[in-house]
Protein backbone atom coordinates (compact mmCIF):
# COMPACT_ATOMS: atom_id res chain seq x y z
CA MET A 1 0.31 -0.26 -0.33
CA ARG A 2 2.73 2.37 0.89
CA LYS A 3 4.54 2.36 -2.73
CA ARG A 4 1.29 2.75 -4.47
CA LYS A 5 0.87 5.83 -2.24
CA TYR A 6 4.70 6.25 -3.89
CA VAL A 7 3.76 5.68 -7.19
CA MET A 8 0.39 8.28 -7.37
CA ALA A 9 2.50 11.18 -6.03
CA VAL A 10 5.33 10.80 -8.44
CA VAL A 11 2.71 10.22 -11.40
CA MET A 12 0.76 13.47 -9.63
CA ILE A 13 4.02 15.05 -10.00
CA ILE A 14 4.67 14.51 -13.81
CA ILE A 15 1.50 15.21 -14.99
CA MET A 16 1.95 18.61 -13.05
CA LEU A 17 5.24 19.42 -14.46
CA VAL A 18 3.84 18.37 -17.82
CA PHE A 19 0.74 20.16 -17.62
CA SER A 20 2.66 23.52 -16.37
CA TYR A 21 5.29 23.59 -19.51
CA VAL A 22 2.17 23.38 -21.68
CA ILE A 23 1.01 26.25 -20.59
CA LEU A 24 4.65 28.21 -19.95
CA ILE A 25 4.31 27.62 -23.78
CA GLY A 26 0.80 28.46 -24.78
CA ILE A 27 1.53 31.49 -22.93
CA GLN A 28 4.94 32.13 -24.89
CA SER A 29 3.24 32.11 -28.06
CA TYR A 30 0.62 34.24 -27.08
CA PHE A 31 2.82 36.81 -26.13
CA ASN A 32 4.76 36.33 -28.89
CA MET A 33 2.28 36.65 -31.16
CA LYS A 34 1.02 39.55 -29.98
CA GLU A 35 4.71 41.19 -29.82
CA ILE A 36 4.56 40.13 -33.51
CA ASP A 37 1.50 41.30 -34.83
CA SER A 38 2.49 44.84 -32.89
CA LEU A 39 5.71 44.83 -35.14
CA VAL A 40 4.18 44.15 -38.43
CA SER A 41 1.22 46.70 -38.23
CA GLY A 42 3.28 49.29 -36.86
CA ALA A 43 5.80 48.36 -39.85
CA LYS A 44 2.55 48.78 -42.32
CA ALA A 45 1.71 51.92 -41.13
CA ARG A 46 4.43 53.67 -42.04
CA ASN A 47 4.76 52.07 -44.99
CA MET A 48 8.30 50.61 -44.19
CA ASP A 49 9.33 46.89 -45.72
CA TYR A 50 10.31 44.11 -42.89
CA SER A 51 11.58 40.99 -43.04
CA LEU A 52 10.10 38.29 -40.18
CA GLU A 53 11.32 35.02 -39.87
CA ILE A 54 9.77 32.57 -37.57
CA HIS A 55 12.20 29.95 -35.67
CA ASN A 56 10.03 27.93 -33.34
CA LYS A 57 6.40 26.95 -34.40
CA TRP A 58 5.38 26.11 -31.02
CA THR A 59 6.59 29.17 -29.11
CA HIS A 60 6.45 31.79 -31.81
CA ASP A 61 10.67 32.56 -31.45
CA TYR A 62 11.25 35.49 -34.10
CA SER A 63 13.50 37.94 -35.80
CA PHE A 64 12.30 41.01 -37.07
CA LYS A 65 13.97 43.81 -38.95
CA ILE A 66 13.10 46.87 -41.05
CA VAL A 67 14.71 46.63 -44.53
CA ASP A 68 16.21 48.98 -46.03
């Protein structure tokens, strides 16, 4: 019985860690997309050419630069 409680506790900790990781990835992705939208709309409003490269499809890590 004691071993079963230990196994259940370990399983619950692993589930909580995975859930936390998924939530953090989702939050990072959301805020990166908001930042990208802001940068792109600002560049378009000023009629500027820009380069946008998304490095990671899950977190939306990106590189943004104004092209001369």
